[in-house]
């Protein structure tokens, strides 16, 4: 079994409240979960209204599939014009290595 995860660090630009931040982040999280059947959530910068961290994870029997899903998630994150992607961290591991 292969496990992959990816974390996105976003700068939100002209956002003035946590409510406005949630309105920009929630559609991204929902789209990733719906399109790719992955676990995804806002994982950091909860108290900052101009920054957001979103993490996603995928489990599969094939490493190539995990890498493909992580690549597609990264393309979706980078394509959002309302969010500036600052950094991406990702990793794949085999369950035997844990």
N, C-alpha and C. Protein backbone atom coordinates (compact mmCIF):
# COMPACT_ATOMS: atom_id res chain seq x y z
N UNK A 1 0.85 -1.18 0.00
CA UNK A 1 0.00 0.00 0.00
C UNK A 1 0.89 1.24 0.00
N UNK A 2 0.52 2.22 -0.79
CA UNK A 2 1.24 3.49 -0.89
C UNK A 2 0.38 4.61 -0.31
N UNK A 3 1.04 5.51 0.39
CA UNK A 3 0.38 6.65 1.02
C UNK A 3 1.07 7.91 0.50
N UNK A 4 0.26 8.87 0.08
CA UNK A 4 0.82 10.13 -0.39
C UNK A 4 0.09 11.29 0.25
N UNK A 5 0.82 12.33 0.52
CA UNK A 5 0.16 13.54 1.01
C UNK A 5 0.84 14.76 0.42
N UNK A 6 0.06 15.81 0.42
CA UNK A 6 0.52 17.07 -0.16
C UNK A 6 -0.04 18.21 0.68
N UNK A 7 0.77 19.23 0.88
CA UNK A 7 0.34 20.41 1.62
C UNK A 7 0.58 21.64 0.76
N UNK A 8 -0.42 22.49 0.70
CA UNK A 8 -0.35 23.73 -0.07
C UNK A 8 -0.38 24.91 0.88
N UNK A 9 0.50 25.86 0.66
CA UNK A 9 0.53 27.09 1.44
C UNK A 9 0.11 28.22 0.50
N UNK A 10 -1.01 28.87 0.84
CA UNK A 10 -1.58 29.91 -0.01
C UNK A 10 -1.50 31.28 0.65
N UNK A 11 -1.34 32.28 -0.17
CA UNK A 11 -1.52 33.68 0.23
C UNK A 11 -2.82 34.12 -0.42
N UNK A 12 -3.72 34.71 0.37
CA UNK A 12 -5.06 34.99 -0.12
C UNK A 12 -5.27 36.39 -0.66
N UNK A 13 -4.32 37.26 -0.51
CA UNK A 13 -4.47 38.58 -1.10
C UNK A 13 -5.41 39.47 -0.31
N UNK A 14 -6.35 40.09 -0.98
CA UNK A 14 -7.22 41.11 -0.40
C UNK A 14 -8.38 40.48 0.38
N UNK A 15 -8.06 39.87 1.50
CA UNK A 15 -9.05 39.24 2.37
C UNK A 15 -8.98 39.96 3.71
N UNK A 16 -10.15 40.32 4.27
CA UNK A 16 -10.16 41.15 5.47
C UNK A 16 -10.78 40.48 6.68
N UNK A 17 -11.21 39.23 6.55
CA UNK A 17 -11.81 38.56 7.70
C UNK A 17 -11.66 37.05 7.55
N UNK A 18 -11.81 36.35 8.65
CA UNK A 18 -11.77 34.88 8.61
C UNK A 18 -12.97 34.33 7.85
N UNK A 19 -14.09 35.04 7.92
CA UNK A 19 -15.29 34.61 7.18
C UNK A 19 -15.03 34.67 5.66
N UNK A 20 -14.40 35.74 5.21
CA UNK A 20 -14.06 35.86 3.79
C UNK A 20 -13.02 34.81 3.39
N UNK A 21 -12.07 34.53 4.29
CA UNK A 21 -11.09 33.48 4.03
C UNK A 21 -11.78 32.15 3.82
N UNK A 22 -12.70 31.79 4.70
CA UNK A 22 -13.42 30.52 4.58
C UNK A 22 -14.19 30.45 3.27
N UNK A 23 -14.75 31.58 2.83
CA UNK A 23 -15.52 31.57 1.58
C UNK A 23 -14.62 31.33 0.36
N UNK A 24 -13.34 31.61 0.47
CA UNK A 24 -12.41 31.33 -0.63
C UNK A 24 -11.81 29.92 -0.54
N UNK A 25 -11.61 29.44 0.67
CA UNK A 25 -10.96 28.15 0.86
C UNK A 25 -11.94 26.98 0.72
N UNK A 26 -13.13 27.14 1.23
CA UNK A 26 -14.12 26.05 1.21
C UNK A 26 -14.37 25.47 -0.19
N UNK A 27 -14.53 26.30 -1.24
CA UNK A 27 -14.73 25.72 -2.59
C UNK A 27 -13.53 24.92 -3.09
N UNK A 28 -12.32 25.32 -2.73
CA UNK A 28 -11.12 24.60 -3.15
C UNK A 28 -11.08 23.22 -2.49
N UNK A 29 -11.34 23.19 -1.20
CA UNK A 29 -11.36 21.93 -0.46
C UNK A 29 -12.44 21.00 -1.03
N UNK A 30 -13.62 21.54 -1.27
CA UNK A 30 -14.72 20.73 -1.79
C UNK A 30 -14.41 20.20 -3.19
N UNK A 31 -13.82 21.03 -4.04
CA UNK A 31 -13.48 20.60 -5.40
C UNK A 31 -12.47 19.47 -5.38
N UNK A 32 -11.43 19.60 -4.57
CA UNK A 32 -10.41 18.55 -4.49
C UNK A 32 -11.00 17.23 -3.99
N UNK A 33 -11.83 17.31 -2.96
CA UNK A 33 -12.44 16.09 -2.41
C UNK A 33 -13.35 15.43 -3.44
N UNK A 34 -14.13 16.24 -4.14
CA UNK A 34 -15.09 15.70 -5.11
C UNK A 34 -14.40 15.13 -6.35
N UNK A 35 -13.46 15.87 -6.91
CA UNK A 35 -12.82 15.45 -8.16
C UNK A 35 -11.89 14.25 -8.00
N UNK A 36 -11.21 14.17 -6.86
CA UNK A 36 -10.14 13.19 -6.73
C UNK A 36 -10.37 12.14 -5.65
N UNK A 37 -11.49 12.20 -4.94
CA UNK A 37 -11.80 11.23 -3.88
C UNK A 37 -10.64 11.08 -2.89
N UNK A 38 -10.17 12.22 -2.40
CA UNK A 38 -9.08 12.25 -1.43
C UNK A 38 -9.59 12.86 -0.13
N UNK A 39 -8.85 12.63 0.94
CA UNK A 39 -9.12 13.33 2.19
C UNK A 39 -8.43 14.68 2.10
N UNK A 40 -9.16 15.73 2.36
CA UNK A 40 -8.60 17.08 2.22
C UNK A 40 -9.22 17.98 3.28
N UNK A 41 -8.38 18.88 3.83
CA UNK A 41 -8.86 19.79 4.87
C UNK A 41 -7.93 21.00 4.96
N UNK A 42 -8.45 22.05 5.56
CA UNK A 42 -7.60 23.18 5.91
C UNK A 42 -6.79 22.74 7.13
N UNK A 43 -5.48 22.77 7.02
CA UNK A 43 -4.63 22.17 8.05
C UNK A 43 -3.75 23.15 8.81
N UNK A 44 -3.75 24.41 8.43
CA UNK A 44 -2.89 25.36 9.13
C UNK A 44 -3.29 26.79 8.87
N UNK A 45 -2.64 27.70 9.61
CA UNK A 45 -2.89 29.14 9.52
C UNK A 45 -4.35 29.47 9.82
N UNK A 46 -4.94 28.75 10.76
CA UNK A 46 -6.36 28.94 11.06
C UNK A 46 -6.69 30.34 11.58
N UNK A 47 -5.77 30.96 12.27
CA UNK A 47 -6.05 32.27 12.87
C UNK A 47 -5.59 33.45 12.00
N UNK A 48 -5.02 33.17 10.83
CA UNK A 48 -4.58 34.23 9.94
C UNK A 48 -5.56 34.36 8.78
N UNK A 49 -6.03 35.57 8.52
CA UNK A 49 -7.05 35.71 7.48
C UNK A 49 -6.48 35.86 6.07
N UNK A 50 -5.17 36.06 5.92
CA UNK A 50 -4.59 36.19 4.58
C UNK A 50 -3.73 35.01 4.18
N UNK A 51 -3.64 33.99 5.01
CA UNK A 51 -2.86 32.78 4.72
C UNK A 51 -3.74 31.56 4.92
N UNK A 52 -3.45 30.51 4.18
CA UNK A 52 -4.19 29.26 4.34
C UNK A 52 -3.27 28.10 3.98
N UNK A 53 -3.45 27.02 4.71
CA UNK A 53 -2.75 25.78 4.39
C UNK A 53 -3.81 24.70 4.19
N UNK A 54 -3.71 24.01 3.07
CA UNK A 54 -4.62 22.92 2.77
C UNK A 54 -3.79 21.66 2.59
N UNK A 55 -4.22 20.58 3.23
CA UNK A 55 -3.54 19.30 3.10
C UNK A 55 -4.47 18.25 2.52
N UNK A 56 -3.90 17.35 1.72
CA UNK A 56 -4.69 16.26 1.14
C UNK A 56 -3.87 14.98 1.21
N UNK A 57 -4.58 13.86 1.31
CA UNK A 57 -3.88 12.57 1.34
C UNK A 57 -4.63 11.56 0.49
N UNK A 58 -3.86 10.60 -0.01
CA UNK A 58 -4.42 9.55 -0.87
C UNK A 58 -3.71 8.24 -0.53
N UNK A 59 -4.47 7.16 -0.60
CA UNK A 59 -3.93 5.81 -0.37
C UNK A 59 -4.31 4.96 -1.58
N UNK A 60 -3.33 4.19 -2.07
CA UNK A 60 -3.58 3.31 -3.22
C UNK A 60 -2.58 2.16 -3.20
N UNK A 61 -2.86 1.15 -3.99
CA UNK A 61 -1.97 0.00 -4.06
C UNK A 61 -0.79 0.25 -5.00
N UNK A 62 -0.85 1.30 -5.80
CA UNK A 62 0.14 1.57 -6.83
C UNK A 62 0.76 2.95 -6.61
N UNK A 63 2.08 3.03 -6.53
CA UNK A 63 2.75 4.31 -6.32
C UNK A 63 2.48 5.28 -7.47
N UNK A 64 2.44 4.78 -8.69
CA UNK A 64 2.20 5.65 -9.84
C UNK A 64 0.85 6.35 -9.74
N UNK A 65 -0.16 5.65 -9.24
CA UNK A 65 -1.48 6.26 -9.07
C UNK A 65 -1.43 7.37 -8.02
N UNK A 66 -0.75 7.12 -6.92
CA UNK A 66 -0.62 8.13 -5.87
C UNK A 66 0.07 9.38 -6.42
N UNK A 67 1.15 9.20 -7.15
CA UNK A 67 1.88 10.34 -7.72
C UNK A 67 1.01 11.09 -8.72
N UNK A 68 0.26 10.37 -9.53
CA UNK A 68 -0.64 11.00 -10.50
C UNK A 68 -1.69 11.86 -9.80
N UNK A 69 -2.30 11.35 -8.74
CA UNK A 69 -3.31 12.11 -8.01
C UNK A 69 -2.68 13.35 -7.38
N UNK A 70 -1.50 13.22 -6.77
CA UNK A 70 -0.83 14.38 -6.18
C UNK A 70 -0.49 15.43 -7.24
N UNK A 71 -0.05 14.99 -8.41
CA UNK A 71 0.23 15.92 -9.51
C UNK A 71 -1.02 16.68 -9.92
N UNK A 72 -2.13 15.96 -10.05
CA UNK A 72 -3.38 16.62 -10.46
C UNK A 72 -3.88 17.58 -9.38
N UNK A 73 -3.72 17.22 -8.12
CA UNK A 73 -4.10 18.12 -7.04
C UNK A 73 -3.27 19.41 -7.10
N UNK A 74 -2.00 19.27 -7.37
CA UNK A 74 -1.12 20.44 -7.45
C UNK A 74 -1.52 21.35 -8.62
N UNK A 75 -1.90 20.76 -9.74
CA UNK A 75 -2.35 21.57 -10.89
C UNK A 75 -3.63 22.34 -10.55
N UNK A 76 -4.55 21.70 -9.84
CA UNK A 76 -5.79 22.38 -9.44
C UNK A 76 -5.46 23.54 -8.50
N UNK A 77 -4.60 23.31 -7.53
CA UNK A 77 -4.23 24.36 -6.57
C UNK A 77 -3.57 25.54 -7.27
N UNK A 78 -2.70 25.26 -8.21
CA UNK A 78 -1.97 26.32 -8.91
C UNK A 78 -2.86 27.08 -9.89
N UNK A 79 -3.96 26.48 -10.30
CA UNK A 79 -4.81 27.12 -11.31
C UNK A 79 -5.84 28.08 -10.73
N UNK A 80 -5.93 28.17 -9.42
CA UNK A 80 -6.94 29.04 -8.80
C UNK A 80 -6.45 30.49 -8.84
N UNK A 81 -7.12 31.36 -9.62
CA UNK A 81 -6.63 32.74 -9.75
C UNK A 81 -6.80 33.57 -8.47
N UNK A 82 -7.73 33.19 -7.61
CA UNK A 82 -7.97 33.97 -6.39
C UNK A 82 -7.00 33.62 -5.27
N UNK A 83 -6.16 32.59 -5.48
CA UNK A 83 -5.20 32.15 -4.47
C UNK A 83 -3.80 32.17 -5.06
N UNK A 84 -2.84 32.66 -4.29
CA UNK A 84 -1.45 32.62 -4.72
C UNK A 84 -0.76 31.45 -4.02
N UNK A 85 -0.33 30.48 -4.79
CA UNK A 85 0.33 29.31 -4.24
C UNK A 85 1.77 29.68 -3.90
N UNK A 86 2.11 29.66 -2.60
CA UNK A 86 3.42 30.07 -2.13
C UNK A 86 4.38 28.88 -2.05
N UNK A 87 3.89 27.74 -1.55
CA UNK A 87 4.76 26.58 -1.39
C UNK A 87 3.93 25.30 -1.46
N UNK A 88 4.60 24.23 -1.87
CA UNK A 88 3.99 22.90 -1.92
C UNK A 88 4.96 21.92 -1.28
N UNK A 89 4.45 21.10 -0.38
CA UNK A 89 5.24 20.02 0.21
C UNK A 89 4.50 18.72 -0.05
N UNK A 90 5.22 17.69 -0.48
CA UNK A 90 4.56 16.43 -0.77
C UNK A 90 5.49 15.27 -0.44
N UNK A 91 4.87 14.12 -0.23
CA UNK A 91 5.65 12.92 0.09
C UNK A 91 4.84 11.68 -0.23
N UNK A 92 5.52 10.65 -0.66
CA UNK A 92 4.90 9.35 -0.82
C UNK A 92 5.75 8.35 -0.03
N UNK A 93 5.07 7.44 0.64
CA UNK A 93 5.76 6.38 1.37
C UNK A 93 5.00 5.08 1.21
N UNK A 94 5.70 4.02 1.41
CA UNK A 94 5.10 2.70 1.39
C UNK A 94 4.72 2.32 2.81
N UNK A 95 3.62 1.66 2.99
CA UNK A 95 3.16 1.33 4.35
C UNK A 95 4.16 0.47 5.10
N UNK A 96 4.96 -0.30 4.40
CA UNK A 96 5.99 -1.12 5.05
C UNK A 96 7.09 -0.27 5.67
N UNK A 97 7.23 0.97 5.23
CA UNK A 97 8.28 1.86 5.72
C UNK A 97 7.90 2.62 6.98
N UNK A 98 6.67 2.46 7.42
CA UNK A 98 6.23 3.19 8.62
C UNK A 98 6.61 2.41 9.86
